[in-house]
Amino acid sequence: MVQELSAIFPSLLTPLLHERDLYMTYQLRSIQAKKIVGVVGLGHVKGIQNNWFQNIDREALMRITANPQNQQQNIINLIKLLLLKYIVILFSILILMIVIIIYYFY
């Protein structure tokens, strides 16, 4: 799923995956306890493991940086994806209707 996301929305991969990995790593490390149990999604496990011993700048993570050009491209890609899914659904309904018609009339 990460590969699909990065192919369709490359600029979303950083905030949705990498920055969240860093933030969750920072938060987990800040807990003062002998043992820590963190329940995270499978897509974040490797990132947390890779970042565990890294120096993380929390202030930098909290700043929002936006690139309007990437946002416009993401919206276009999202519309394309939704249209493709809509076409697939309509095609599936059409095939189902044809099968039903054939079944009842032949």
N, C-alpha and C. Protein backbone atom coordinates (compact mmCIF):
# COMPACT_ATOMS: atom_id res chain seq x y z
N MET A 1 0.81 -1.19 0.00
CA MET A 1 0.00 0.00 0.00
C MET A 1 0.86 1.26 0.00
N VAL A 2 1.98 1.21 0.69
CA VAL A 2 2.88 2.36 0.73
C VAL A 2 3.39 2.66 -0.67
N GLN A 3 3.73 1.63 -1.43
CA GLN A 3 4.23 1.83 -2.79
C GLN A 3 3.16 2.44 -3.67
N GLU A 4 1.90 1.97 -3.51
CA GLU A 4 0.80 2.53 -4.30
C GLU A 4 0.60 4.00 -3.95
N LEU A 5 0.63 4.29 -2.65
CA LEU A 5 0.46 5.67 -2.21
C LEU A 5 1.56 6.56 -2.74
N SER A 6 2.79 6.08 -2.69
CA SER A 6 3.91 6.90 -3.15
C SER A 6 3.87 7.10 -4.65
N ALA A 7 3.31 6.15 -5.40
CA ALA A 7 3.21 6.29 -6.85
C ALA A 7 2.13 7.30 -7.23
N ILE A 8 1.02 7.27 -6.51
CA ILE A 8 -0.11 8.14 -6.85
C ILE A 8 0.05 9.53 -6.24
N PHE A 9 0.50 9.59 -4.97
CA PHE A 9 0.63 10.84 -4.24
C PHE A 9 2.03 10.95 -3.65
N PRO A 10 3.05 11.18 -4.48
CA PRO A 10 4.42 11.19 -3.94
C PRO A 10 4.66 12.25 -2.86
N SER A 11 4.02 13.38 -2.95
CA SER A 11 4.26 14.43 -1.95
C SER A 11 3.52 14.16 -0.64
N LEU A 12 2.59 13.21 -0.64
CA LEU A 12 1.90 12.87 0.60
C LEU A 12 2.66 11.84 1.42
N LEU A 13 3.59 11.14 0.78
CA LEU A 13 4.32 10.09 1.49
C LEU A 13 5.13 10.65 2.65
N THR A 14 5.73 11.81 2.48
CA THR A 14 6.53 12.40 3.56
C THR A 14 5.67 12.74 4.77
N PRO A 15 4.60 13.53 4.63
CA PRO A 15 3.84 13.85 5.84
C PRO A 15 3.05 12.68 6.41
N LEU A 16 2.55 11.81 5.56
CA LEU A 16 1.71 10.73 6.06
C LEU A 16 2.50 9.55 6.60
N LEU A 17 3.71 9.37 6.15
CA LEU A 17 4.47 8.21 6.61
C LEU A 17 5.74 8.62 7.34
N HIS A 18 6.64 9.28 6.65
CA HIS A 18 7.96 9.57 7.22
C HIS A 18 7.89 10.53 8.41
N GLU A 19 7.14 11.61 8.27
CA GLU A 19 7.03 12.55 9.38
C GLU A 19 6.29 11.94 10.57
N ARG A 20 5.30 11.12 10.27
CA ARG A 20 4.57 10.44 11.36
C ARG A 20 5.48 9.43 12.05
N ASP A 21 6.33 8.75 11.27
CA ASP A 21 7.31 7.84 11.89
C ASP A 21 8.19 8.60 12.87
N LEU A 22 8.69 9.75 12.43
CA LEU A 22 9.55 10.56 13.29
C LEU A 22 8.80 11.03 14.54
N TYR A 23 7.58 11.50 14.35
CA TYR A 23 6.80 12.01 15.47
C TYR A 23 6.49 10.90 16.48
N MET A 24 6.06 9.74 15.97
CA MET A 24 5.75 8.63 16.88
C MET A 24 7.01 8.14 17.59
N THR A 25 8.14 8.11 16.87
CA THR A 25 9.40 7.73 17.51
C THR A 25 9.74 8.69 18.63
N TYR A 26 9.62 9.98 18.36
CA TYR A 26 9.91 11.00 19.37
C TYR A 26 9.00 10.82 20.59
N GLN A 27 7.71 10.63 20.34
CA GLN A 27 6.75 10.49 21.44
C GLN A 27 7.02 9.23 22.25
N LEU A 28 7.28 8.12 21.58
CA LEU A 28 7.56 6.87 22.30
C LEU A 28 8.83 6.98 23.14
N ARG A 29 9.85 7.62 22.57
CA ARG A 29 11.11 7.77 23.31
C ARG A 29 10.97 8.71 24.50
N SER A 30 10.03 9.62 24.44
CA SER A 30 9.88 10.59 25.53
C SER A 30 9.17 10.00 26.76
N ILE A 31 8.61 8.81 26.63
CA ILE A 31 7.93 8.17 27.75
C ILE A 31 8.99 7.67 28.74
N GLN A 32 8.82 8.03 30.00
CA GLN A 32 9.76 7.62 31.04
C GLN A 32 9.26 6.34 31.69
N ALA A 33 9.67 5.20 31.15
CA ALA A 33 9.25 3.90 31.70
C ALA A 33 10.30 2.86 31.34
N LYS A 34 10.30 1.76 32.10
CA LYS A 34 11.25 0.68 31.81
C LYS A 34 10.90 -0.01 30.50
N LYS A 35 9.62 -0.28 30.33
CA LYS A 35 9.15 -0.94 29.11
C LYS A 35 8.06 -0.10 28.48
N ILE A 36 8.09 -0.06 27.16
CA ILE A 36 7.11 0.72 26.41
C ILE A 36 6.48 -0.20 25.38
N VAL A 37 5.17 -0.15 25.28
CA VAL A 37 4.46 -0.89 24.24
C VAL A 37 3.73 0.14 23.39
N GLY A 38 4.05 0.15 22.12
CA GLY A 38 3.39 1.07 21.20
C GLY A 38 2.66 0.29 20.14
N VAL A 39 1.40 0.57 19.93
CA VAL A 39 0.61 -0.08 18.90
C VAL A 39 0.55 0.87 17.71
N VAL A 40 1.22 0.48 16.64
CA VAL A 40 1.29 1.32 15.44
C VAL A 40 0.95 0.48 14.22
N GLY A 41 0.62 1.14 13.14
CA GLY A 41 0.34 0.44 11.90
C GLY A 41 1.60 -0.19 11.34
N LEU A 42 1.42 -1.27 10.60
CA LEU A 42 2.55 -2.01 10.05
C LEU A 42 3.45 -1.14 9.18
N GLY A 43 2.87 -0.17 8.49
CA GLY A 43 3.66 0.71 7.64
C GLY A 43 4.61 1.62 8.40
N HIS A 44 4.41 1.76 9.70
CA HIS A 44 5.24 2.65 10.50
C HIS A 44 6.33 1.92 11.29
N VAL A 45 6.25 0.61 11.40
CA VAL A 45 7.19 -0.14 12.24
C VAL A 45 8.63 0.06 11.79
N LYS A 46 8.89 -0.14 10.51
CA LYS A 46 10.27 -0.02 10.01
C LYS A 46 10.81 1.40 10.20
N GLY A 47 9.97 2.39 9.94
CA GLY A 47 10.40 3.78 10.10
C GLY A 47 10.74 4.11 11.55
N ILE A 48 9.92 3.61 12.47
CA ILE A 48 10.20 3.84 13.89
C ILE A 48 11.49 3.15 14.29
N GLN A 49 11.68 1.92 13.84
CA GLN A 49 12.92 1.20 14.14
C GLN A 49 14.13 1.95 13.59
N ASN A 50 14.03 2.42 12.36
CA ASN A 50 15.15 3.13 11.73
C ASN A 50 15.46 4.46 12.40
N ASN A 51 14.43 5.10 12.96
CA ASN A 51 14.62 6.42 13.57
C ASN A 51 14.87 6.39 15.07
N TRP A 52 14.81 5.21 15.69
CA TRP A 52 14.86 5.12 17.14
C TRP A 52 16.09 5.80 17.75
N PHE A 53 17.25 5.65 17.12
CA PHE A 53 18.47 6.21 17.68
C PHE A 53 18.89 7.50 16.98
N GLN A 54 18.02 8.06 16.15
CA GLN A 54 18.31 9.31 15.45
C GLN A 54 17.95 10.51 16.31
N ASN A 55 18.63 11.62 16.06
CA ASN A 55 18.29 12.88 16.72
C ASN A 55 17.10 13.49 15.98
N ILE A 56 15.99 13.68 16.67
CA ILE A 56 14.77 14.17 16.02
C ILE A 56 14.47 15.58 16.51
N ASP A 57 14.29 16.49 15.56
CA ASP A 57 13.95 17.88 15.86
C ASP A 57 12.42 18.01 15.86
N ARG A 58 11.85 17.97 17.04
CA ARG A 58 10.39 18.01 17.16
C ARG A 58 9.83 19.33 16.64
N GLU A 59 10.52 20.42 16.88
CA GLU A 59 10.04 21.73 16.41
C GLU A 59 9.93 21.76 14.89
N ALA A 60 10.89 21.17 14.22
CA ALA A 60 10.84 21.12 12.75
C ALA A 60 9.66 20.27 12.28
N LEU A 61 9.38 19.20 13.01
CA LEU A 61 8.24 18.36 12.65
C LEU A 61 6.91 19.07 12.81
N MET A 62 6.86 19.98 13.77
CA MET A 62 5.60 20.66 14.06
C MET A 62 5.31 21.79 13.07
N ARG A 63 6.29 22.20 12.29
CA ARG A 63 6.08 23.24 11.28
C ARG A 63 5.42 22.63 10.05
N ILE A 64 4.43 23.30 9.54
CA ILE A 64 3.73 22.83 8.34
C ILE A 64 4.35 23.50 7.13
N THR A 65 4.80 22.69 6.22
CA THR A 65 5.32 23.22 4.96
C THR A 65 4.44 22.68 3.84
N ALA A 66 4.00 23.58 3.01
CA ALA A 66 3.10 23.18 1.93
C ALA A 66 3.65 23.66 0.60
N ASN A 67 3.51 22.84 -0.39
CA ASN A 67 3.90 23.17 -1.73
C ASN A 67 2.63 23.18 -2.57
N PRO A 68 2.11 24.37 -2.94
CA PRO A 68 0.84 24.44 -3.68
C PRO A 68 0.85 23.65 -4.97
N GLN A 69 1.98 23.60 -5.65
CA GLN A 69 2.05 22.87 -6.91
C GLN A 69 1.82 21.38 -6.66
N ASN A 70 2.45 20.84 -5.61
CA ASN A 70 2.24 19.44 -5.27
C ASN A 70 0.80 19.18 -4.85
N GLN A 71 0.20 20.13 -4.14
CA GLN A 71 -1.18 19.96 -3.72
C GLN A 71 -2.11 19.91 -4.92
N GLN A 72 -1.86 20.76 -5.91
CA GLN A 72 -2.68 20.74 -7.12
C GLN A 72 -2.52 19.42 -7.86
N GLN A 73 -1.29 18.94 -7.96
CA GLN A 73 -1.05 17.67 -8.64
C GLN A 73 -1.71 16.53 -7.87
N ASN A 74 -1.68 16.59 -6.54
CA ASN A 74 -2.32 15.56 -5.72
C ASN A 74 -3.83 15.55 -5.94
N ILE A 75 -4.42 16.71 -6.07
CA ILE A 75 -5.86 16.80 -6.31
C ILE A 75 -6.19 16.21 -7.67
N ILE A 76 -5.38 16.53 -8.66
CA ILE A 76 -5.59 15.98 -10.01
C ILE A 76 -5.45 14.46 -9.97
N ASN A 77 -4.43 13.95 -9.29
CA ASN A 77 -4.24 12.50 -9.19
C ASN A 77 -5.40 11.84 -8.45
N LEU A 78 -5.90 12.50 -7.41
CA LEU A 78 -7.02 11.95 -6.66
C LEU A 78 -8.26 11.87 -7.54
N ILE A 79 -8.52 12.91 -8.32
CA ILE A 79 -9.67 12.91 -9.23
C ILE A 79 -9.52 11.79 -10.25
N LYS A 80 -8.33 11.61 -10.79
CA LYS A 80 -8.09 10.52 -11.75
C LYS A 80 -8.37 9.17 -11.11
N LEU A 81 -7.87 8.99 -9.89
CA LEU A 81 -8.07 7.73 -9.19
C LEU A 81 -9.55 7.47 -8.93
N LEU A 82 -10.27 8.50 -8.49
CA LEU A 82 -11.69 8.34 -8.22
C LEU A 82 -12.47 8.06 -9.50
N LEU A 83 -12.11 8.71 -10.58
CA LEU A 83 -12.77 8.44 -11.86
C LEU A 83 -12.51 7.01 -12.32
N LEU A 84 -11.28 6.55 -12.15
CA LEU A 84 -10.95 5.19 -12.53
C LEU A 84 -11.77 4.19 -11.71
N LYS A 85 -11.85 4.42 -10.41
CA LYS A 85 -12.65 3.52 -9.56
C LYS A 85 -14.12 3.57 -9.95
N TYR A 86 -14.63 4.75 -10.26
CA TYR A 86 -16.01 4.90 -10.66
C TYR A 86 -16.28 4.13 -11.96
N ILE A 87 -15.36 4.22 -12.91
CA ILE A 87 -15.50 3.50 -14.17
C ILE A 87 -15.49 2.00 -13.93
N VAL A 88 -14.60 1.53 -13.08
CA VAL A 88 -14.53 0.10 -12.77
C VAL A 88 -15.83 -0.37 -12.12
N ILE A 89 -16.38 0.42 -11.21
CA ILE A 89 -17.65 0.06 -10.57
C ILE A 89 -18.77 0.01 -11.59
N LEU A 90 -18.85 1.02 -12.45
CA LEU A 90 -19.90 1.04 -13.47
C LEU A 90 -19.76 -0.14 -14.43
N PHE A 91 -18.54 -0.46 -14.81
CA PHE A 91 -18.30 -1.60 -15.69
C PHE A 91 -18.73 -2.90 -15.00
N SER A 92 -18.43 -3.03 -13.72
CA SER A 92 -18.82 -4.23 -12.97
C SER A 92 -20.34 -4.35 -12.89
N ILE A 93 -21.02 -3.24 -12.68
CA ILE A 93 -22.49 -3.25 -12.65
C ILE A 93 -23.03 -3.63 -14.01
N LEU A 94 -22.46 -3.10 -15.06
CA LEU A 94 -22.89 -3.44 -16.42
C LEU A 94 -22.73 -4.94 -16.69
N ILE A 95 -21.60 -5.50 -16.33
CA ILE A 95 -21.37 -6.93 -16.52
C ILE A 95 -22.39 -7.74 -15.72
N LEU A 96 -22.64 -7.34 -14.48
CA LEU A 96 -23.61 -8.02 -13.64
C LEU A 96 -25.00 -7.97 -14.26
N MET A 97 -25.38 -6.82 -14.79
CA MET A 97 -26.69 -6.69 -15.44
C MET A 97 -26.79 -7.59 -16.66
N ILE A 98 -25.75 -7.67 -17.44
CA ILE A 98 -25.74 -8.54 -18.63
C ILE A 98 -25.89 -10.00 -18.22
N VAL A 99 -25.18 -10.40 -17.17
CA VAL A 99 -25.28 -11.77 -16.68
C VAL A 99 -26.70 -12.06 -16.20
N ILE A 100 -27.31 -11.13 -15.49
CA ILE A 100 -28.69 -11.32 -15.01
C ILE A 100 -29.67 -11.43 -16.17
N ILE A 101 -29.51 -10.57 -17.15
CA ILE A 101 -30.38 -10.59 -18.34
C ILE A 101 -30.24 -11.93 -19.07
N ILE A 102 -29.02 -12.36 -19.27
CA ILE A 102 -28.78 -13.64 -19.95
C ILE A 102 -29.40 -14.78 -19.15
N TYR A 103 -29.24 -14.75 -17.86
CA TYR A 103 -29.75 -15.82 -16.98
C TYR A 103 -31.27 -15.90 -17.05
N TYR A 104 -31.96 -14.75 -17.01
CA TYR A 104 -33.43 -14.76 -16.98
C TYR A 104 -34.07 -14.93 -18.34
N PHE A 105 -33.43 -14.52 -19.39
CA PHE A 105 -34.08 -14.53 -20.69
C PHE A 105 -33.59 -15.64 -21.62
N TYR A 106 -32.60 -16.38 -21.23
CA TYR A 106 -32.10 -17.44 -22.11
C TYR A 106 -32.08 -18.74 -21.43
